[in-house]
mmCIF file of all heavy atoms, coordinates in Angstrom:
data_MODEL
# 
_entry.id   MODEL 
# 
loop_
_atom_site.group_PDB 
_atom_site.id 
_atom_site.type_symbol 
_atom_site.label_atom_id 
_atom_site.label_alt_id 
_atom_site.label_comp_id 
_atom_site.label_asym_id 
_atom_site.label_entity_id 
_atom_site.label_seq_id 
_atom_site.pdbx_PDB_ins_code 
_atom_site.Cartn_x 
_atom_site.Cartn_y 
_atom_site.Cartn_z 
_atom_site.occupancy 
_atom_site.B_iso_or_equiv 
_atom_site.pdbx_formal_charge 
_atom_site.auth_seq_id 
_atom_site.auth_comp_id 
_atom_site.auth_asym_id 
_atom_site.auth_atom_id 
_atom_site.pdbx_PDB_model_num 
ATOM 1   N N   . ILE A 1 1  ? -98.892  57.782 67.570 1.00 0.00 ? 1  ILE A N   1 
ATOM 2   C CA  . ILE A 1 1  ? -100.134 57.178 67.989 1.00 0.00 ? 1  ILE A CA  1 
ATOM 3   C C   . ILE A 1 1  ? -101.204 57.427 66.981 1.00 0.00 ? 1  ILE A C   1 
ATOM 4   O O   . ILE A 1 1  ? -101.981 56.630 66.538 1.00 0.00 ? 1  ILE A O   1 
ATOM 5   C CB  . ILE A 1 1  ? -100.506 57.533 69.374 1.00 0.00 ? 1  ILE A CB  1 
ATOM 6   C CG1 . ILE A 1 1  ? -99.544  56.989 70.350 1.00 0.00 ? 1  ILE A CG1 1 
ATOM 7   C CG2 . ILE A 1 1  ? -101.945 57.089 69.742 1.00 0.00 ? 1  ILE A CG2 1 
ATOM 8   C CD1 . ILE A 1 1  ? -99.689  57.546 71.754 1.00 0.00 ? 1  ILE A CD1 1 
ATOM 9   N N   . LYS A 1 2  ? -101.279 58.778 66.633 1.00 0.00 ? 2  LYS A N   1 
ATOM 10  C CA  . LYS A 1 2  ? -102.328 59.210 65.661 1.00 0.00 ? 2  LYS A CA  1 
ATOM 11  C C   . LYS A 1 2  ? -102.109 58.724 64.237 1.00 0.00 ? 2  LYS A C   1 
ATOM 12  O O   . LYS A 1 2  ? -103.156 58.760 63.493 1.00 0.00 ? 2  LYS A O   1 
ATOM 13  C CB  . LYS A 1 2  ? -102.381 60.702 65.700 1.00 0.00 ? 2  LYS A CB  1 
ATOM 14  C CG  . LYS A 1 2  ? -102.880 61.291 67.033 1.00 0.00 ? 2  LYS A CG  1 
ATOM 15  C CD  . LYS A 1 2  ? -103.292 62.767 66.881 1.00 0.00 ? 2  LYS A CD  1 
ATOM 16  C CE  . LYS A 1 2  ? -102.046 63.651 66.588 1.00 0.00 ? 2  LYS A CE  1 
ATOM 17  N NZ  . LYS A 1 2  ? -102.483 65.082 66.592 1.00 0.00 ? 2  LYS A NZ  1 
ATOM 18  N N   . SER A 1 3  ? -101.031 58.219 63.875 1.00 0.00 ? 3  SER A N   1 
ATOM 19  C CA  . SER A 1 3  ? -100.781 57.704 62.573 1.00 0.00 ? 3  SER A CA  1 
ATOM 20  C C   . SER A 1 3  ? -100.804 56.209 62.451 1.00 0.00 ? 3  SER A C   1 
ATOM 21  O O   . SER A 1 3  ? -100.526 55.578 61.456 1.00 0.00 ? 3  SER A O   1 
ATOM 22  C CB  . SER A 1 3  ? -99.419  58.242 62.071 1.00 0.00 ? 3  SER A CB  1 
ATOM 23  O OG  . SER A 1 3  ? -98.301  57.736 62.855 1.00 0.00 ? 3  SER A OG  1 
ATOM 24  N N   . LEU A 1 4  ? -101.046 55.511 63.587 1.00 0.00 ? 4  LEU A N   1 
ATOM 25  C CA  . LEU A 1 4  ? -100.979 54.027 63.612 1.00 0.00 ? 4  LEU A CA  1 
ATOM 26  C C   . LEU A 1 4  ? -102.183 53.337 62.788 1.00 0.00 ? 4  LEU A C   1 
ATOM 27  O O   . LEU A 1 4  ? -101.903 52.316 62.174 1.00 0.00 ? 4  LEU A O   1 
ATOM 28  C CB  . LEU A 1 4  ? -101.188 53.511 65.052 1.00 0.00 ? 4  LEU A CB  1 
ATOM 29  C CG  . LEU A 1 4  ? -99.853  53.640 65.946 1.00 0.00 ? 4  LEU A CG  1 
ATOM 30  C CD1 . LEU A 1 4  ? -100.289 53.158 67.351 1.00 0.00 ? 4  LEU A CD1 1 
ATOM 31  C CD2 . LEU A 1 4  ? -98.827  52.775 65.355 1.00 0.00 ? 4  LEU A CD2 1 
ATOM 32  N N   . PHE A 1 5  ? -103.274 53.976 62.779 1.00 0.00 ? 5  PHE A N   1 
ATOM 33  C CA  . PHE A 1 5  ? -104.468 53.339 62.100 1.00 0.00 ? 5  PHE A CA  1 
ATOM 34  C C   . PHE A 1 5  ? -104.997 54.130 60.873 1.00 0.00 ? 5  PHE A C   1 
ATOM 35  O O   . PHE A 1 5  ? -106.040 54.693 60.894 1.00 0.00 ? 5  PHE A O   1 
ATOM 36  C CB  . PHE A 1 5  ? -105.596 53.126 63.114 1.00 0.00 ? 5  PHE A CB  1 
ATOM 37  C CG  . PHE A 1 5  ? -105.182 52.310 64.312 1.00 0.00 ? 5  PHE A CG  1 
ATOM 38  C CD1 . PHE A 1 5  ? -104.694 52.886 65.436 1.00 0.00 ? 5  PHE A CD1 1 
ATOM 39  C CD2 . PHE A 1 5  ? -105.329 50.930 64.237 1.00 0.00 ? 5  PHE A CD2 1 
ATOM 40  C CE1 . PHE A 1 5  ? -104.343 52.048 66.454 1.00 0.00 ? 5  PHE A CE1 1 
ATOM 41  C CE2 . PHE A 1 5  ? -104.962 50.151 65.298 1.00 0.00 ? 5  PHE A CE2 1 
ATOM 42  C CZ  . PHE A 1 5  ? -104.441 50.668 66.473 1.00 0.00 ? 5  PHE A CZ  1 
ATOM 43  N N   . GLU A 1 6  ? -104.030 54.269 59.915 1.00 0.00 ? 6  GLU A N   1 
ATOM 44  C CA  . GLU A 1 6  ? -104.404 55.075 58.747 1.00 0.00 ? 6  GLU A CA  1 
ATOM 45  C C   . GLU A 1 6  ? -105.640 54.571 58.027 1.00 0.00 ? 6  GLU A C   1 
ATOM 46  O O   . GLU A 1 6  ? -106.427 55.401 57.492 1.00 0.00 ? 6  GLU A O   1 
ATOM 47  C CB  . GLU A 1 6  ? -103.176 55.162 57.827 1.00 0.00 ? 6  GLU A CB  1 
ATOM 48  C CG  . GLU A 1 6  ? -101.965 55.843 58.353 1.00 0.00 ? 6  GLU A CG  1 
ATOM 49  C CD  . GLU A 1 6  ? -102.136 57.343 58.346 1.00 0.00 ? 6  GLU A CD  1 
ATOM 50  O OE1 . GLU A 1 6  ? -103.149 57.844 57.811 1.00 0.00 ? 6  GLU A OE1 1 
ATOM 51  O OE2 . GLU A 1 6  ? -101.321 58.045 58.860 1.00 0.00 ? 6  GLU A OE2 1 
ATOM 52  N N   . ALA A 1 7  ? -105.754 53.264 57.981 1.00 0.00 ? 7  ALA A N   1 
ATOM 53  C CA  . ALA A 1 7  ? -106.871 52.577 57.171 1.00 0.00 ? 7  ALA A CA  1 
ATOM 54  C C   . ALA A 1 7  ? -108.103 52.562 57.987 1.00 0.00 ? 7  ALA A C   1 
ATOM 55  O O   . ALA A 1 7  ? -109.216 52.347 57.365 1.00 0.00 ? 7  ALA A O   1 
ATOM 56  C CB  . ALA A 1 7  ? -106.415 51.277 56.728 1.00 0.00 ? 7  ALA A CB  1 
ATOM 57  N N   . ASP A 1 8  ? -108.131 52.665 59.209 1.00 0.00 ? 8  ASP A N   1 
ATOM 58  C CA  . ASP A 1 8  ? -109.314 52.494 60.087 1.00 0.00 ? 8  ASP A CA  1 
ATOM 59  C C   . ASP A 1 8  ? -109.633 53.738 60.890 1.00 0.00 ? 8  ASP A C   1 
ATOM 60  O O   . ASP A 1 8  ? -108.689 54.259 61.520 1.00 0.00 ? 8  ASP A O   1 
ATOM 61  C CB  . ASP A 1 8  ? -109.169 51.302 60.995 1.00 0.00 ? 8  ASP A CB  1 
ATOM 62  C CG  . ASP A 1 8  ? -108.881 50.009 60.303 1.00 0.00 ? 8  ASP A CG  1 
ATOM 63  O OD1 . ASP A 1 8  ? -109.679 49.688 59.381 1.00 0.00 ? 8  ASP A OD1 1 
ATOM 64  O OD2 . ASP A 1 8  ? -107.882 49.343 60.575 1.00 0.00 ? 8  ASP A OD2 1 
ATOM 65  N N   . THR A 1 9  ? -110.788 54.253 60.791 1.00 0.00 ? 9  THR A N   1 
ATOM 66  C CA  . THR A 1 9  ? -111.186 55.445 61.634 1.00 0.00 ? 9  THR A CA  1 
ATOM 67  C C   . THR A 1 9  ? -111.654 55.013 63.025 1.00 0.00 ? 9  THR A C   1 
ATOM 68  O O   . THR A 1 9  ? -111.801 55.860 63.846 1.00 0.00 ? 9  THR A O   1 
ATOM 69  C CB  . THR A 1 9  ? -112.287 56.243 60.894 1.00 0.00 ? 9  THR A CB  1 
ATOM 70  O OG1 . THR A 1 9  ? -113.366 55.397 60.600 1.00 0.00 ? 9  THR A OG1 1 
ATOM 71  C CG2 . THR A 1 9  ? -111.669 56.808 59.610 1.00 0.00 ? 9  THR A CG2 1 
ATOM 72  N N   . THR A 1 10 ? -111.878 53.692 63.201 1.00 0.00 ? 10 THR A N   1 
ATOM 73  C CA  . THR A 1 10 ? -112.302 53.238 64.559 1.00 0.00 ? 10 THR A CA  1 
ATOM 74  C C   . THR A 1 10 ? -111.450 52.037 64.920 1.00 0.00 ? 10 THR A C   1 
ATOM 75  O O   . THR A 1 10 ? -111.103 51.244 64.034 1.00 0.00 ? 10 THR A O   1 
ATOM 76  C CB  . THR A 1 10 ? -113.793 52.881 64.597 1.00 0.00 ? 10 THR A CB  1 
ATOM 77  O OG1 . THR A 1 10 ? -114.048 51.862 63.641 1.00 0.00 ? 10 THR A OG1 1 
ATOM 78  C CG2 . THR A 1 10 ? -114.726 54.055 64.316 1.00 0.00 ? 10 THR A CG2 1 
ATOM 79  N N   . PHE A 1 11 ? -111.159 51.904 66.217 1.00 0.00 ? 11 PHE A N   1 
ATOM 80  C CA  . PHE A 1 11 ? -110.346 50.719 66.669 1.00 0.00 ? 11 PHE A CA  1 
ATOM 81  C C   . PHE A 1 11 ? -110.546 50.577 68.189 1.00 0.00 ? 11 PHE A C   1 
ATOM 82  O O   . PHE A 1 11 ? -111.029 51.520 68.854 1.00 0.00 ? 11 PHE A O   1 
ATOM 83  C CB  . PHE A 1 11 ? -108.930 50.871 66.288 1.00 0.00 ? 11 PHE A CB  1 
ATOM 84  C CG  . PHE A 1 11 ? -108.315 52.182 66.476 1.00 0.00 ? 11 PHE A CG  1 
ATOM 85  C CD1 . PHE A 1 11 ? -107.699 52.546 67.707 1.00 0.00 ? 11 PHE A CD1 1 
ATOM 86  C CD2 . PHE A 1 11 ? -108.469 53.223 65.536 1.00 0.00 ? 11 PHE A CD2 1 
ATOM 87  C CE1 . PHE A 1 11 ? -107.218 53.834 67.946 1.00 0.00 ? 11 PHE A CE1 1 
ATOM 88  C CE2 . PHE A 1 11 ? -107.934 54.518 65.705 1.00 0.00 ? 11 PHE A CE2 1 
ATOM 89  C CZ  . PHE A 1 11 ? -107.319 54.804 66.941 1.00 0.00 ? 11 PHE A CZ  1 
ATOM 90  N N   . THR A 1 12 ? -110.130 49.504 68.768 1.00 0.00 ? 12 THR A N   1 
ATOM 91  C CA  . THR A 1 12 ? -110.361 49.263 70.168 1.00 0.00 ? 12 THR A CA  1 
ATOM 92  C C   . THR A 1 12 ? -109.161 49.780 70.991 1.00 0.00 ? 12 THR A C   1 
ATOM 93  O O   . THR A 1 12 ? -108.063 49.905 70.446 1.00 0.00 ? 12 THR A O   1 
ATOM 94  C CB  . THR A 1 12 ? -110.548 47.771 70.449 1.00 0.00 ? 12 THR A CB  1 
ATOM 95  O OG1 . THR A 1 12 ? -109.345 47.045 70.160 1.00 0.00 ? 12 THR A OG1 1 
ATOM 96  C CG2 . THR A 1 12 ? -111.705 47.237 69.610 1.00 0.00 ? 12 THR A CG2 1 
ATOM 97  N N   . GLY A 1 13 ? -109.347 49.984 72.221 1.00 0.00 ? 13 GLY A N   1 
ATOM 98  C CA  . GLY A 1 13 ? -108.256 50.281 73.164 1.00 0.00 ? 13 GLY A CA  1 
ATOM 99  C C   . GLY A 1 13 ? -107.267 49.205 73.282 1.00 0.00 ? 13 GLY A C   1 
ATOM 100 O O   . GLY A 1 13 ? -106.077 49.435 73.380 1.00 0.00 ? 13 GLY A O   1 
ATOM 101 N N   . GLN A 1 14 ? -107.715 47.951 73.060 1.00 0.00 ? 14 GLN A N   1 
ATOM 102 C CA  . GLN A 1 14 ? -106.800 46.848 73.128 1.00 0.00 ? 14 GLN A CA  1 
ATOM 103 C C   . GLN A 1 14 ? -105.813 46.909 71.893 1.00 0.00 ? 14 GLN A C   1 
ATOM 104 O O   . GLN A 1 14 ? -104.599 46.705 72.074 1.00 0.00 ? 14 GLN A O   1 
ATOM 105 C CB  . GLN A 1 14 ? -107.518 45.576 73.105 1.00 0.00 ? 14 GLN A CB  1 
ATOM 106 C CG  . GLN A 1 14 ? -106.619 44.315 73.181 1.00 0.00 ? 14 GLN A CG  1 
ATOM 107 C CD  . GLN A 1 14 ? -107.494 43.010 73.104 1.00 0.00 ? 14 GLN A CD  1 
ATOM 108 O OE1 . GLN A 1 14 ? -108.158 42.729 72.114 1.00 0.00 ? 14 GLN A OE1 1 
ATOM 109 N NE2 . GLN A 1 14 ? -107.372 42.205 74.149 1.00 0.00 ? 14 GLN A NE2 1 
ATOM 110 N N   . GLN A 1 15 ? -106.323 47.183 70.735 1.00 0.00 ? 15 GLN A N   1 
ATOM 111 C CA  . GLN A 1 15 ? -105.466 47.337 69.633 1.00 0.00 ? 15 GLN A CA  1 
ATOM 112 C C   . GLN A 1 15 ? -104.490 48.486 69.751 1.00 0.00 ? 15 GLN A C   1 
ATOM 113 O O   . GLN A 1 15 ? -103.283 48.323 69.435 1.00 0.00 ? 15 GLN A O   1 
ATOM 114 C CB  . GLN A 1 15 ? -106.366 47.605 68.314 1.00 0.00 ? 15 GLN A CB  1 
ATOM 115 C CG  . GLN A 1 15 ? -107.260 46.495 67.841 1.00 0.00 ? 15 GLN A CG  1 
ATOM 116 C CD  . GLN A 1 15 ? -108.137 46.884 66.765 1.00 0.00 ? 15 GLN A CD  1 
ATOM 117 O OE1 . GLN A 1 15 ? -108.872 47.818 66.856 1.00 0.00 ? 15 GLN A OE1 1 
ATOM 118 N NE2 . GLN A 1 15 ? -108.004 46.188 65.605 1.00 0.00 ? 15 GLN A NE2 1 
ATOM 119 N N   . LEU A 1 16 ? -104.972 49.564 70.364 1.00 0.00 ? 16 LEU A N   1 
ATOM 120 C CA  . LEU A 1 16 ? -104.080 50.700 70.536 1.00 0.00 ? 16 LEU A CA  1 
ATOM 121 C C   . LEU A 1 16 ? -102.909 50.407 71.529 1.00 0.00 ? 16 LEU A C   1 
ATOM 122 O O   . LEU A 1 16 ? -101.800 50.695 71.268 1.00 0.00 ? 16 LEU A O   1 
ATOM 123 C CB  . LEU A 1 16 ? -104.787 51.920 71.037 1.00 0.00 ? 16 LEU A CB  1 
ATOM 124 C CG  . LEU A 1 16 ? -104.095 53.195 71.296 1.00 0.00 ? 16 LEU A CG  1 
ATOM 125 C CD1 . LEU A 1 16 ? -103.422 53.659 70.062 1.00 0.00 ? 16 LEU A CD1 1 
ATOM 126 C CD2 . LEU A 1 16 ? -105.010 54.266 71.898 1.00 0.00 ? 16 LEU A CD2 1 
ATOM 127 N N   . SER A 1 17 ? -103.267 49.811 72.670 1.00 0.00 ? 17 SER A N   1 
ATOM 128 C CA  . SER A 1 17 ? -102.262 49.550 73.695 1.00 0.00 ? 17 SER A CA  1 
ATOM 129 C C   . SER A 1 17 ? -101.262 48.518 73.304 1.00 0.00 ? 17 SER A C   1 
ATOM 130 O O   . SER A 1 17 ? -100.123 48.474 73.827 1.00 0.00 ? 17 SER A O   1 
ATOM 131 C CB  . SER A 1 17 ? -102.992 49.057 74.996 1.00 0.00 ? 17 SER A CB  1 
ATOM 132 O OG  . SER A 1 17 ? -103.700 47.850 74.786 1.00 0.00 ? 17 SER A OG  1 
ATOM 133 N N   . ARG A 1 18 ? -101.538 47.694 72.346 1.00 0.00 ? 18 ARG A N   1 
ATOM 134 C CA  . ARG A 1 18 ? -100.556 46.673 71.806 1.00 0.00 ? 18 ARG A CA  1 
ATOM 135 C C   . ARG A 1 18 ? -99.571  47.270 70.812 1.00 0.00 ? 18 ARG A C   1 
ATOM 136 O O   . ARG A 1 18 ? -98.557  46.669 70.498 1.00 0.00 ? 18 ARG A O   1 
ATOM 137 C CB  . ARG A 1 18 ? -101.299 45.532 71.180 1.00 0.00 ? 18 ARG A CB  1 
ATOM 138 C CG  . ARG A 1 18 ? -101.977 44.594 72.165 1.00 0.00 ? 18 ARG A CG  1 
ATOM 139 C CD  . ARG A 1 18 ? -102.721 43.509 71.432 1.00 0.00 ? 18 ARG A CD  1 
ATOM 140 N NE  . ARG A 1 18 ? -103.372 42.565 72.394 1.00 0.00 ? 18 ARG A NE  1 
ATOM 141 C CZ  . ARG A 1 18 ? -104.091 41.565 72.031 1.00 0.00 ? 18 ARG A CZ  1 
ATOM 142 N NH1 . ARG A 1 18 ? -104.399 41.337 70.772 1.00 0.00 ? 18 ARG A NH1 1 
ATOM 143 N NH2 . ARG A 1 18 ? -104.592 40.686 72.977 1.00 0.00 ? 18 ARG A NH2 1 
ATOM 144 N N   . ARG A 1 19 ? -99.859  48.495 70.338 1.00 0.00 ? 19 ARG A N   1 
ATOM 145 C CA  . ARG A 1 19 ? -99.011  49.044 69.244 1.00 0.00 ? 19 ARG A CA  1 
ATOM 146 C C   . ARG A 1 19 ? -98.249  50.272 69.573 1.00 0.00 ? 19 ARG A C   1 
ATOM 147 O O   . ARG A 1 19 ? -97.568  50.873 68.789 1.00 0.00 ? 19 ARG A O   1 
ATOM 148 C CB  . ARG A 1 19 ? -99.884  49.279 67.985 1.00 0.00 ? 19 ARG A CB  1 
ATOM 149 C CG  . ARG A 1 19 ? -100.555 47.998 67.418 1.00 0.00 ? 19 ARG A CG  1 
ATOM 150 C CD  . ARG A 1 19 ? -101.225 48.286 66.196 1.00 0.00 ? 19 ARG A CD  1 
ATOM 151 N NE  . ARG A 1 19 ? -100.436 48.972 65.070 1.00 0.00 ? 19 ARG A NE  1 
ATOM 152 C CZ  . ARG A 1 19 ? -100.871 49.213 63.902 1.00 0.00 ? 19 ARG A CZ  1 
ATOM 153 N NH1 . ARG A 1 19 ? -102.117 49.095 63.561 1.00 0.00 ? 19 ARG A NH1 1 
ATOM 154 N NH2 . ARG A 1 19 ? -100.023 49.823 63.029 1.00 0.00 ? 19 ARG A NH2 1 
ATOM 155 N N   . ILE A 1 20 ? -98.439  50.776 70.814 1.00 0.00 ? 20 ILE A N   1 
ATOM 156 C CA  . ILE A 1 20 ? -97.664  51.975 71.193 1.00 0.00 ? 20 ILE A CA  1 
ATOM 157 C C   . ILE A 1 20 ? -96.633  51.691 72.232 1.00 0.00 ? 20 ILE A C   1 
ATOM 158 O O   . ILE A 1 20 ? -96.615  50.693 72.970 1.00 0.00 ? 20 ILE A O   1 
ATOM 159 C CB  . ILE A 1 20 ? -98.615  53.052 71.655 1.00 0.00 ? 20 ILE A CB  1 
ATOM 160 C CG1 . ILE A 1 20 ? -99.359  52.646 72.968 1.00 0.00 ? 20 ILE A CG1 1 
ATOM 161 C CG2 . ILE A 1 20 ? -99.616  53.444 70.620 1.00 0.00 ? 20 ILE A CG2 1 
ATOM 162 C CD1 . ILE A 1 20 ? -100.232 53.782 73.501 1.00 0.00 ? 20 ILE A CD1 1 
ATOM 163 N N   . LYS A 1 21 ? -95.679  52.589 72.293 1.00 0.00 ? 21 LYS A N   1 
ATOM 164 C CA  . LYS A 1 21 ? -94.578  52.431 73.191 1.00 0.00 ? 21 LYS A CA  1 
ATOM 165 C C   . LYS A 1 21 ? -94.936  52.412 74.645 1.00 0.00 ? 21 LYS A C   1 
ATOM 166 O O   . LYS A 1 21 ? -95.942  53.087 75.096 1.00 0.00 ? 21 LYS A O   1 
ATOM 167 C CB  . LYS A 1 21 ? -93.563  53.579 72.972 1.00 0.00 ? 21 LYS A CB  1 
ATOM 168 C CG  . LYS A 1 21 ? -92.298  53.610 73.752 1.00 0.00 ? 21 LYS A CG  1 
ATOM 169 C CD  . LYS A 1 21 ? -91.480  54.812 73.467 1.00 0.00 ? 21 LYS A CD  1 
ATOM 170 C CE  . LYS A 1 21 ? -90.145  54.829 74.254 1.00 0.00 ? 21 LYS A CE  1 
ATOM 171 N NZ  . LYS A 1 21 ? -89.338  56.049 73.960 1.00 0.00 ? 21 LYS A NZ  1 
ATOM 172 N N   . GLU A 1 22 ? -94.289  51.516 75.416 1.00 0.00 ? 22 GLU A N   1 
ATOM 173 C CA  . GLU A 1 22 ? -94.565  51.440 76.864 1.00 0.00 ? 22 GLU A CA  1 
ATOM 174 C C   . GLU A 1 22 ? -94.295  52.759 77.525 1.00 0.00 ? 22 GLU A C   1 
ATOM 175 O O   . GLU A 1 22 ? -93.426  53.497 77.149 1.00 0.00 ? 22 GLU A O   1 
ATOM 176 C CB  . GLU A 1 22 ? -93.720  50.328 77.499 1.00 0.00 ? 22 GLU A CB  1 
ATOM 177 C CG  . GLU A 1 22 ? -94.192  48.957 77.251 1.00 0.00 ? 22 GLU A CG  1 
ATOM 178 C CD  . GLU A 1 22 ? -93.698  47.973 78.281 1.00 0.00 ? 22 GLU A CD  1 
ATOM 179 O OE1 . GLU A 1 22 ? -92.907  48.335 79.135 1.00 0.00 ? 22 GLU A OE1 1 
ATOM 180 O OE2 . GLU A 1 22 ? -93.996  46.749 78.065 1.00 0.00 ? 22 GLU A OE2 1 
ATOM 181 N N   . GLY A 1 23 ? -94.990  53.096 78.582 1.00 0.00 ? 23 GLY A N   1 
ATOM 182 C CA  . GLY A 1 23 ? -94.875  54.232 79.345 1.00 0.00 ? 23 GLY A CA  1 
ATOM 183 C C   . GLY A 1 23 ? -96.225  54.801 79.743 1.00 0.00 ? 23 GLY A C   1 
ATOM 184 O O   . GLY A 1 23 ? -97.159  54.217 79.651 1.00 0.00 ? 23 GLY A O   1 
ATOM 185 N N   . PHE A 1 24 ? -96.195  56.103 80.173 1.00 0.00 ? 24 PHE A N   1 
ATOM 186 C CA  . PHE A 1 24 ? -97.453  56.723 80.449 1.00 0.00 ? 24 PHE A CA  1 
ATOM 187 C C   . PHE A 1 24 ? -97.489  58.102 79.737 1.00 0.00 ? 24 PHE A C   1 
ATOM 188 O O   . PHE A 1 24 ? -96.500  58.711 79.425 1.00 0.00 ? 24 PHE A O   1 
ATOM 189 C CB  . PHE A 1 24 ? -97.655  56.942 81.925 1.00 0.00 ? 24 PHE A CB  1 
ATOM 190 C CG  . PHE A 1 24 ? -96.751  57.960 82.588 1.00 0.00 ? 24 PHE A CG  1 
ATOM 191 C CD1 . PHE A 1 24 ? -97.207  59.241 82.696 1.00 0.00 ? 24 PHE A CD1 1 
ATOM 192 C CD2 . PHE A 1 24 ? -95.512  57.635 83.091 1.00 0.00 ? 24 PHE A CD2 1 
ATOM 193 C CE1 . PHE A 1 24 ? -96.387  60.219 83.308 1.00 0.00 ? 24 PHE A CE1 1 
ATOM 194 C CE2 . PHE A 1 24 ? -94.722  58.598 83.620 1.00 0.00 ? 24 PHE A CE2 1 
ATOM 195 C CZ  . PHE A 1 24 ? -95.157  59.883 83.737 1.00 0.00 ? 24 PHE A CZ  1 
ATOM 196 N N   . TYR A 1 25 ? -98.784  58.449 79.322 1.00 0.00 ? 25 TYR A N   1 
ATOM 197 C CA  . TYR A 1 25 ? -99.065  59.636 78.600 1.00 0.00 ? 25 TYR A CA  1 
ATOM 198 C C   . TYR A 1 25 ? -100.073 60.416 79.277 1.00 0.00 ? 25 TYR A C   1 
ATOM 199 O O   . TYR A 1 25 ? -101.129 59.910 79.763 1.00 0.00 ? 25 TYR A O   1 
ATOM 200 C CB  . TYR A 1 25 ? -99.559  59.246 77.157 1.00 0.00 ? 25 TYR A CB  1 
ATOM 201 C CG  . TYR A 1 25 ? -98.713  58.304 76.465 1.00 0.00 ? 25 TYR A CG  1 
ATOM 202 C CD1 . TYR A 1 25 ? -98.679  56.934 76.681 1.00 0.00 ? 25 TYR A CD1 1 
ATOM 203 C CD2 . TYR A 1 25 ? -97.696  58.724 75.582 1.00 0.00 ? 25 TYR A CD2 1 
ATOM 204 C CE1 . TYR A 1 25 ? -97.888  56.011 75.995 1.00 0.00 ? 25 TYR A CE1 1 
ATOM 205 C CE2 . TYR A 1 25 ? -96.855  57.886 74.884 1.00 0.00 ? 25 TYR A CE2 1 
ATOM 206 C CZ  . TYR A 1 25 ? -96.986  56.458 75.078 1.00 0.00 ? 25 TYR A CZ  1 
ATOM 207 O OH  . TYR A 1 25 ? -96.142  55.654 74.449 1.00 0.00 ? 25 TYR A OH  1 
# 
């Protein structure tokens, strides 16, 4: 999760939820 957005230091929760594995953390 922490390595998904190497080029951007800011991003939305929508962007994050679309790119990580289903489940709960």
